[in-house]
C-alpha atoms as a PDB file:
ATOM      1  CA  MET A   1     -21.212   0.531  13.095  1.00  0.00           C
ATOM      2  CA  ALA A   2     -18.975  -2.159  14.522  1.00  0.00           C
ATOM      3  CA  HIS A   3     -20.096  -3.619  17.847  1.00  0.00           C
ATOM      4  CA  SER A   4     -17.626  -6.331  18.778  1.00  0.00           C
ATOM      5  CA  LEU A   5     -14.122  -5.494  19.949  1.00  0.00           C
ATOM      6  CA  SER A   6     -12.519  -7.317  17.055  1.00  0.00           C
ATOM      7  CA  ALA A   7     -14.669  -5.454  14.521  1.00  0.00           C
ATOM      8  CA  LYS A   8     -13.756  -2.124  16.138  1.00  0.00           C
ATOM      9  CA  LYS A   9     -10.089  -3.062  15.954  1.00  0.00           C
ATOM     10  CA  ARG A  10     -10.419  -3.921  12.241  1.00  0.00           C
ATOM     11  CA  VAL A  11     -11.945  -0.486  11.630  1.00  0.00           C
ATOM     12  CA  ARG A  12      -8.966   1.157  13.361  1.00  0.00           C
ATOM     13  CA  GLN A  13      -6.458  -0.987  11.464  1.00  0.00           C
ATOM     14  CA  SER A  14      -8.044  -0.390   8.082  1.00  0.00           C
ATOM     15  CA  ALA A  15      -8.080   3.375   8.704  1.00  0.00           C
ATOM     16  CA  LYS A  16      -4.327   3.311   9.422  1.00  0.00           C
ATOM     17  CA  LYS A  17      -3.580   1.175   6.356  1.00  0.00           C
ATOM     18  CA  LYS A  18      -5.673   3.476   4.172  1.00  0.00           C
ATOM     19  CA  VAL A  19      -3.504   6.449   5.129  1.00  0.00           C
ATOM     20  CA  ILE A  20      -0.284   4.492   4.539  1.00  0.00           C
ATOM     21  CA  ASN A  21      -1.444   3.122   1.169  1.00  0.00           C
ATOM     22  CA  ARG A  22      -2.530   6.561  -0.017  1.00  0.00           C
ATOM     23  CA  ALA A  23       0.877   7.965   0.875  1.00  0.00           C
ATOM     24  CA  ARG A  24       2.601   5.170  -1.044  1.00  0.00           C
ATOM     25  CA  LYS A  25       0.415   5.717  -4.103  1.00  0.00           C
ATOM     26  CA  SER A  26       1.202   9.423  -3.924  1.00  0.00           C
ATOM     27  CA  VAL A  27       4.932   8.649  -3.956  1.00  0.00           C
ATOM     28  CA  ILE A  28       4.503   6.589  -7.121  1.00  0.00           C
ATOM     29  CA  LYS A  29       2.512   9.327  -8.830  1.00  0.00           C
ATOM     30  CA  THR A  30       5.190  11.864  -7.932  1.00  0.00           C
ATOM     31  CA  GLN A  31       7.947   9.609  -9.291  1.00  0.00           C
ATOM     32  CA  LEU A  32       5.984   9.131 -12.528  1.00  0.00           C
ATOM     33  CA  LYS A  33       5.524  12.887 -12.931  1.00  0.00           C
ATOM     34  CA  ASP A  34       9.235  13.487 -12.302  1.00  0.00           C
ATOM     35  CA  PHE A  35      10.168  10.853 -14.880  1.00  0.00           C
ATOM     36  CA  ASP A  36       7.715  12.339 -17.372  1.00  0.00           C
ATOM     37  CA  THR A  37       9.227  15.787 -16.922  1.00  0.00           C
ATOM     38  CA  VAL A  38      12.771  14.516 -17.451  1.00  0.00           C
ATOM     39  CA  VAL A  39      11.805  12.506 -20.546  1.00  0.00           C
ATOM     40  CA  LYS A  40      10.194  15.566 -22.108  1.00  0.00           C
ATOM     41  CA  GLY A  41      13.428  17.467 -21.442  1.00  0.00           C
ATOM     42  CA  THR A  42      15.334  14.968 -23.633  1.00  0.00           C
ATOM     43  CA  ASP A  43      18.230  14.561 -21.158  1.00  0.00           C
ATOM     44  CA  LYS A  44      19.175  10.886 -21.553  1.00  0.00           C
ATOM     45  CA  LYS A  45      21.393  10.558 -18.484  1.00  0.00           C
ATOM     46  CA  ALA A  46      18.902  12.251 -16.162  1.00  0.00           C
ATOM     47  CA  ALA A  47      16.093  10.154 -17.608  1.00  0.00           C
ATOM     48  CA  ALA A  48      18.023   6.949 -16.918  1.00  0.00           C
ATOM     49  CA  GLU A  49      18.668   8.038 -13.316  1.00  0.00           C
ATOM     50  CA  GLN A  50      15.025   8.958 -12.820  1.00  0.00           C
ATOM     51  CA  TYR A  51      13.953   5.621 -14.312  1.00  0.00           C
ATOM     52  CA  ALA A  52      16.167   3.781 -11.835  1.00  0.00           C
ATOM     53  CA  LYS A  53      14.552   5.682  -8.942  1.00  0.00           C
ATOM     54  CA  LEU A  54      11.104   4.934 -10.309  1.00  0.00           C
ATOM     55  CA  VAL A  55      11.791   1.215 -10.674  1.00  0.00           C
ATOM     56  CA  LYS A  56      13.147   1.016  -7.132  1.00  0.00           C
ATOM     57  CA  LYS A  57      10.068   2.706  -5.645  1.00  0.00           C
ATOM     58  CA  VAL A  58       7.620   0.679  -7.731  1.00  0.00           C
ATOM     59  CA  ASP A  59       9.292  -2.562  -6.652  1.00  0.00           C
ATOM     60  CA  GLN A  60       9.249  -1.526  -2.992  1.00  0.00           C
ATOM     61  CA  ILE A  61       5.578  -0.626  -3.087  1.00  0.00           C
ATOM     62  CA  ALA A  62       4.642  -3.767  -5.013  1.00  0.00           C
ATOM     63  CA  ALA A  63       6.435  -5.824  -2.356  1.00  0.00           C
ATOM     64  CA  THR A  64       4.224  -4.339   0.365  1.00  0.00           C
ATOM     65  CA  GLY A  65       1.029  -5.273  -1.472  1.00  0.00           C
ATOM     66  CA  THR A  66      -0.163  -1.720  -2.045  1.00  0.00           C
ATOM     67  CA  MET A  67       0.296  -2.205  -5.781  1.00  0.00           C
ATOM     68  CA  HIS A  68      -0.201  -5.519  -7.557  1.00  0.00           C
ATOM     69  CA  LYS A  69       2.983  -7.052  -8.947  1.00  0.00           C
ATOM     70  CA  ASN A  70       1.540  -7.184 -12.472  1.00  0.00           C
ATOM     71  CA  LYS A  71       0.651  -3.497 -12.364  1.00  0.00           C
ATOM     72  CA  ALA A  72       4.178  -2.739 -11.174  1.00  0.00           C
ATOM     73  CA  ALA A  73       5.585  -4.724 -14.089  1.00  0.00           C
ATOM     74  CA  ARG A  74       3.282  -2.915 -16.513  1.00  0.00           C
ATOM     75  CA  VAL A  75       4.328   0.510 -15.224  1.00  0.00           C
ATOM     76  CA  LYS A  76       8.026  -0.378 -15.436  1.00  0.00           C
ATOM     77  CA  SER A  77       7.602  -1.769 -18.950  1.00  0.00           C
ATOM     78  CA  ARG A  78       5.825   1.320 -20.230  1.00  0.00           C
ATOM     79  CA  MET A  79       8.397   3.642 -18.739  1.00  0.00           C
ATOM     80  CA  ALA A  80      11.243   1.484 -20.130  1.00  0.00           C
ATOM     81  CA  LYS A  81       9.691   1.832 -23.594  1.00  0.00           C
ATOM     82  CA  ARG A  82       9.611   5.605 -23.222  1.00  0.00           C
ATOM     83  CA  LEU A  83      13.233   5.634 -22.071  1.00  0.00           C
ATOM     84  CA  ALA A  84      14.301   3.450 -25.010  1.00  0.00           C
ATOM     85  CA  LYS A  85      12.426   5.710 -27.405  1.00  0.00           C
ATOM     86  CA  LEU A  86      14.272   8.718 -25.993  1.00  0.00           C
ATOM     87  CA  LYS A  87      17.666   6.999 -26.339  1.00  0.00           C
ATOM     88  CA  GLY A  88      16.942   5.585 -29.785  1.00  0.00           C
END
């Protein structure tokens, strides 16, 4: 248990950040599921729109530090491959 005031404050801050980071990760997972559903439906235009939404969210979350920039790039690359496969 934290005893000093600064240690108690860090506990409070980390608890808040944990909730925020979990929410952000949940948003990414939801976007990925939505993209996956659209890709399986073989609608090229809808898949491209969903990919654009996914890329925007991934970039936003990577900018906050919740997700590492290399992981964000990896996710975008994999989804771009799936989109290209659908179009090709």
